Amino acid sequence: MIGSQEMLRKGARIIEPVLQPWGFEFRHFGAGASSGGQFASGEFFRLNRSLELHFRNSLGLVTYSAGQFNTSHETYMRELGVWNDCHYPGFSSDPLQAFAGLAHDLQFAEDFLHGSAEVLERAAVNEAASNAQKTEADMASYVGDTAQLTTLHDAFYARDYNQVLAIAAILKYPDRLSRAQQTMIQIARDRSNPVQEHSFFKLSKDQGRK
C-alpha cells in the first residue's frame, strides 16, 4: 500500500505541469500519523505565493496564499465565478483523480498563477468575514446554552424533572456539559419515569373504586 507521503508526491507530479511554467516549485512539509490515519503535506511556492496541499487518504485541504491573504479552493473558485465548472474535489475512489481535478481547476486561477491576486485577496477577506460571523453565531449559541443551564439547575433543585429534560433536549452544545450537569440530567431522566408510573397506577386505582 502506498503511503501518504508517496501519494502526495505522485499527486504533486500531476499538478506540476500547470504550476512549474510560472515558476512554482514543490516542497514537502512532512508526514506522520494521527487518529485519522497517515497524513502528509506540502506546497507549491513562488516568492510570497503558495498552493498548500494536505493528503490523508485523499487530497483534503487546499489553500491558496498571496502574502498575508489565504483562502480555500472552494471559496476562491466561487469568487472567480467558476465553481460549477470545477472538477475538484470530485467523487472518484482513486485518490489521484482529485489531483487531476485540481490541475484542471488551476486553469481558472490566472489571478493566482501570474496575475495581481486581487480576486484571491477578495476571496480571503470574504472567507475571514464569513468565519468570524460563524464563530460569533456559535458563541451566541453557547451563551444561550449557559443561560439555559442556569434554568436547568434551578429546575433540578425544584424537582421539576420534566423541565430539566426539556431544557436538556434543546441545548446546542450538550458535549460541553460538566459531569455534574450530566448527572443531574440522568437523575431527572430516572426520576421522571417513576413519577409518571405512579400517576398512572394511582389513576387506575381511583377508577377501580368507582
Protein backbone atom coordinates (compact mmCIF):
# COMPACT_ATOMS: atom_id res chain seq x y z
CA MET A 1 0.00 0.00 0.00
CA ILE A 2 1.35 3.41 -0.99
CA GLY A 3 1.90 5.75 1.96
CA SER A 4 0.50 9.26 2.20
CA GLN A 5 3.85 10.93 1.52
CA GLU A 6 4.42 8.94 -1.68
CA MET A 7 0.83 9.55 -2.78
CA LEU A 8 1.32 13.28 -2.24
CA ARG A 9 4.47 13.13 -4.38
CA LYS A 10 2.58 11.37 -7.16
CA GLY A 11 -0.23 13.90 -6.93
CA ALA A 12 2.20 16.82 -6.99
CA ARG A 13 3.63 15.50 -10.24
CA ILE A 14 0.14 15.68 -11.77
CA ILE A 15 -0.23 19.33 -10.78
CA GLU A 16 3.36 20.33 -11.55
CA PRO A 17 2.92 20.89 -15.33
CA VAL A 18 0.37 23.62 -14.59
CA LEU A 19 2.43 25.42 -11.94
CA GLN A 20 6.03 24.94 -12.99
CA PRO A 21 5.84 27.20 -16.08
CA TRP A 22 5.00 30.07 -13.75
CA GLY A 23 8.00 29.45 -11.50
CA PHE A 24 6.36 27.41 -8.74
CA GLU A 25 8.39 24.70 -7.01
CA PHE A 26 7.19 21.91 -4.75
CA ARG A 27 8.43 21.17 -1.23
CA HIS A 28 7.29 18.75 1.46
CA PHE A 29 6.27 19.90 4.92
CA GLY A 30 6.34 16.44 6.42
CA ALA A 31 4.30 13.34 7.15
CA GLY A 32 3.05 11.45 10.17
CA ALA A 33 0.19 9.52 11.70
CA SER A 34 -2.86 10.55 13.69
CA SER A 35 -6.15 9.04 14.79
CA GLY A 36 -7.45 9.68 11.28
CA GLY A 37 -4.60 7.77 9.63
CA GLN A 38 -1.40 8.71 7.86
CA PHE A 39 -1.08 12.24 6.56
CA ALA A 40 1.33 14.30 4.50
CA SER A 41 1.50 17.94 3.46
CA GLY A 42 3.48 20.17 1.16
CA GLU A 43 3.18 23.20 -1.07
CA PHE A 44 3.97 24.70 -4.43
CA PHE A 45 5.54 28.10 -3.81
CA ARG A 46 6.93 31.13 -5.62
CA LEU A 47 8.04 34.19 -3.71
CA ASN A 48 5.08 35.13 -1.50
CA ARG A 49 2.56 32.86 -3.22
CA SER A 50 1.80 29.26 -2.40
CA LEU A 51 -0.63 26.42 -3.01
CA GLU A 52 -0.71 24.27 0.13
CA LEU A 53 -1.82 20.64 -0.09
CA HIS A 54 -2.83 18.20 2.66
CA PHE A 55 -3.30 14.50 2.00
CA ARG A 56 -4.94 11.92 4.29
CA ASN A 57 -6.48 9.01 2.36
CA SER A 58 -7.33 11.62 -0.28
CA LEU A 59 -6.44 15.18 -1.18
CA GLY A 60 -8.05 17.27 1.54
CA LEU A 61 -7.32 20.86 2.46
CA VAL A 62 -6.16 23.00 -0.49
CA THR A 63 -5.20 26.57 0.40
CA TYR A 64 -4.09 29.45 -1.84
CA SER A 65 -1.90 32.15 -0.33
CA ALA A 66 -0.63 35.50 -1.59
CA GLY A 67 1.25 37.49 1.01
CA GLN A 68 -0.90 37.72 4.13
CA PHE A 69 -4.04 36.57 2.32
CA ASN A 70 -5.12 32.93 2.16
CA THR A 71 -8.30 31.18 1.13
CA SER A 72 -9.71 27.74 0.44
CA HIS A 73 -10.12 26.24 -3.01
CA GLU A 74 -13.92 26.40 -2.99
CA THR A 75 -14.08 30.00 -1.77
CA TYR A 76 -11.53 31.11 -4.36
CA MET A 77 -13.24 29.32 -7.23
CA ARG A 78 -16.60 30.76 -6.19
CA GLU A 79 -15.10 34.25 -6.12
CA LEU A 80 -13.74 33.63 -9.62
CA GLY A 81 -17.25 32.58 -10.67
CA VAL A 82 -16.20 29.13 -11.92
CA TRP A 83 -17.18 26.80 -9.07
CA ASN A 84 -19.80 25.00 -11.17
CA ASP A 85 -17.11 24.14 -13.72
CA CYS A 86 -14.61 22.76 -11.20
CA HIS A 87 -13.55 19.10 -11.04
CA TYR A 88 -12.03 19.12 -7.55
CA PRO A 89 -12.81 17.51 -5.14
CA GLY A 90 -14.84 15.10 -7.27
CA PHE A 91 -16.12 11.72 -6.15
CA SER A 92 -13.63 9.20 -7.55
CA SER A 93 -12.35 6.34 -5.40
CA ASP A 94 -8.92 6.89 -6.97
CA PRO A 95 -7.07 9.44 -4.79
CA LEU A 96 -5.01 10.66 -7.74
CA GLN A 97 -8.14 11.76 -9.57
CA ALA A 98 -8.53 14.55 -7.02
CA PHE A 99 -5.12 15.91 -8.05
CA ALA A 100 -6.14 15.67 -11.71
CA GLY A 101 -9.30 17.60 -10.83
CA LEU A 102 -7.26 20.28 -9.08
CA ALA A 103 -4.91 20.53 -12.06
CA HIS A 104 -7.98 21.13 -14.23
CA ASP A 105 -9.31 23.84 -11.91
CA LEU A 106 -5.99 25.68 -11.81
CA GLN A 107 -6.59 26.75 -15.40
CA PHE A 108 -9.13 29.22 -13.97
CA ALA A 109 -6.62 30.65 -11.47
CA GLU A 110 -4.63 33.02 -13.69
CA ASP A 111 -5.20 35.63 -10.99
CA PHE A 112 -3.10 33.44 -8.68
CA LEU A 113 -0.64 31.99 -11.18
CA HIS A 114 0.57 35.19 -12.80
CA GLY A 115 -1.98 37.90 -12.08
CA SER A 116 -2.44 40.52 -9.39
CA ALA A 117 -4.09 38.08 -6.92
CA GLU A 118 -6.79 40.71 -6.47
CA VAL A 119 -9.57 38.11 -6.65
CA LEU A 120 -7.71 35.86 -4.21
CA GLU A 121 -7.37 38.71 -1.73
CA ARG A 122 -11.08 39.48 -2.03
CA ALA A 123 -11.93 35.81 -1.51
CA ALA A 124 -9.69 35.71 1.58
CA VAL A 125 -11.36 38.77 3.10
CA ASN A 126 -14.85 37.38 2.43
CA GLU A 127 -13.92 33.98 3.87
CA ALA A 128 -12.44 35.54 7.01
CA ALA A 129 -15.60 37.62 7.50
CA SER A 130 -17.79 34.56 7.00
CA ASN A 131 -15.74 32.55 9.51
CA ALA A 132 -15.93 35.41 12.01
CA GLN A 133 -19.72 35.52 11.67
CA LYS A 134 -19.92 31.76 12.16
CA THR A 135 -17.73 31.98 15.27
CA GLU A 136 -19.94 34.78 16.60
CA ALA A 137 -23.07 32.71 15.92
CA ASP A 138 -21.54 29.68 17.64
CA MET A 139 -20.57 31.81 20.62
CA ALA A 140 -24.09 33.26 20.81
CA SER A 141 -25.48 29.72 20.84
CA TYR A 142 -23.04 28.76 23.59
CA VAL A 143 -24.03 31.82 25.63
CA GLY A 144 -27.66 30.77 25.11
CA ASP A 145 -26.78 27.35 26.50
CA THR A 146 -25.23 28.98 29.55
CA ALA A 147 -28.49 30.74 30.32
CA GLN A 148 -30.46 27.54 29.76
CA LEU A 149 -28.15 25.62 32.09
CA THR A 150 -28.88 28.11 34.88
CA THR A 151 -32.59 27.40 34.42
CA LEU A 152 -31.88 23.66 34.28
CA HIS A 153 -30.01 23.87 37.59
CA ASP A 154 -32.92 25.72 39.25
CA ALA A 155 -35.46 23.26 37.83
CA PHE A 156 -33.49 20.30 39.13
CA TYR A 157 -33.42 21.59 42.70
CA ALA A 158 -37.10 22.45 42.39
CA ARG A 159 -37.59 18.77 41.44
CA ASP A 160 -39.17 19.81 38.15
CA TYR A 161 -37.55 16.90 36.30
CA ASN A 162 -39.67 17.25 33.17
CA GLN A 163 -38.41 20.82 32.81
CA VAL A 164 -34.82 19.59 33.26
CA LEU A 165 -35.29 17.10 30.41
CA ALA A 166 -36.99 19.68 28.21
CA ILE A 167 -34.05 22.06 28.59
CA ALA A 168 -31.51 19.28 28.04
CA ALA A 169 -33.21 18.42 24.74
CA ILE A 170 -32.68 21.91 23.25
CA LEU A 171 -29.06 22.54 24.27
CA LYS A 172 -26.85 23.48 21.31
CA TYR A 173 -23.66 22.11 22.85
CA PRO A 174 -24.56 19.06 25.01
CA ASP A 175 -20.98 17.82 24.66
CA ARG A 176 -19.84 20.74 26.83
CA LEU A 177 -21.90 19.64 29.82
CA SER A 178 -19.93 19.13 33.01
CA ARG A 179 -20.04 15.77 34.78
CA ALA A 180 -22.32 17.28 37.43
CA GLN A 181 -24.73 18.59 34.80
CA GLN A 182 -24.78 15.22 33.05
CA THR A 183 -25.56 13.58 36.39
CA MET A 184 -28.45 16.00 37.00
CA ILE A 185 -29.98 15.13 33.63
CA GLN A 186 -29.59 11.40 34.24
CA ILE A 187 -31.20 11.68 37.67
CA ALA A 188 -34.04 13.69 36.15
CA ARG A 189 -34.49 11.01 33.50
CA ASP A 190 -34.54 8.25 36.11
CA ARG A 191 -36.94 10.07 38.42
CA SER A 192 -39.38 11.34 35.79
CA ASN A 193 -40.49 7.82 34.77
CA PRO A 194 -41.42 6.57 38.26
CA VAL A 195 -43.47 9.75 38.75
CA GLN A 196 -45.37 9.02 35.53
CA GLU A 197 -45.87 5.36 36.52
CA HIS A 198 -47.07 6.38 39.98
CA SER A 199 -49.63 8.75 38.45
CA PHE A 200 -50.84 6.02 36.10
CA PHE A 201 -51.31 3.43 38.84
CA LYS A 202 -52.97 5.98 41.12
CA LEU A 203 -55.42 6.87 38.36
CA SER A 204 -56.14 3.17 37.72
CA LYS A 205 -56.72 2.56 41.42
CA ASP A 206 -59.10 5.52 41.71
CA GLN A 207 -61.05 4.36 38.66
CA GLY A 208 -61.34 0.87 40.19
CA ARG A 209 -63.03 2.31 43.27
CA LYS A 210 -65.76 3.94 41.22
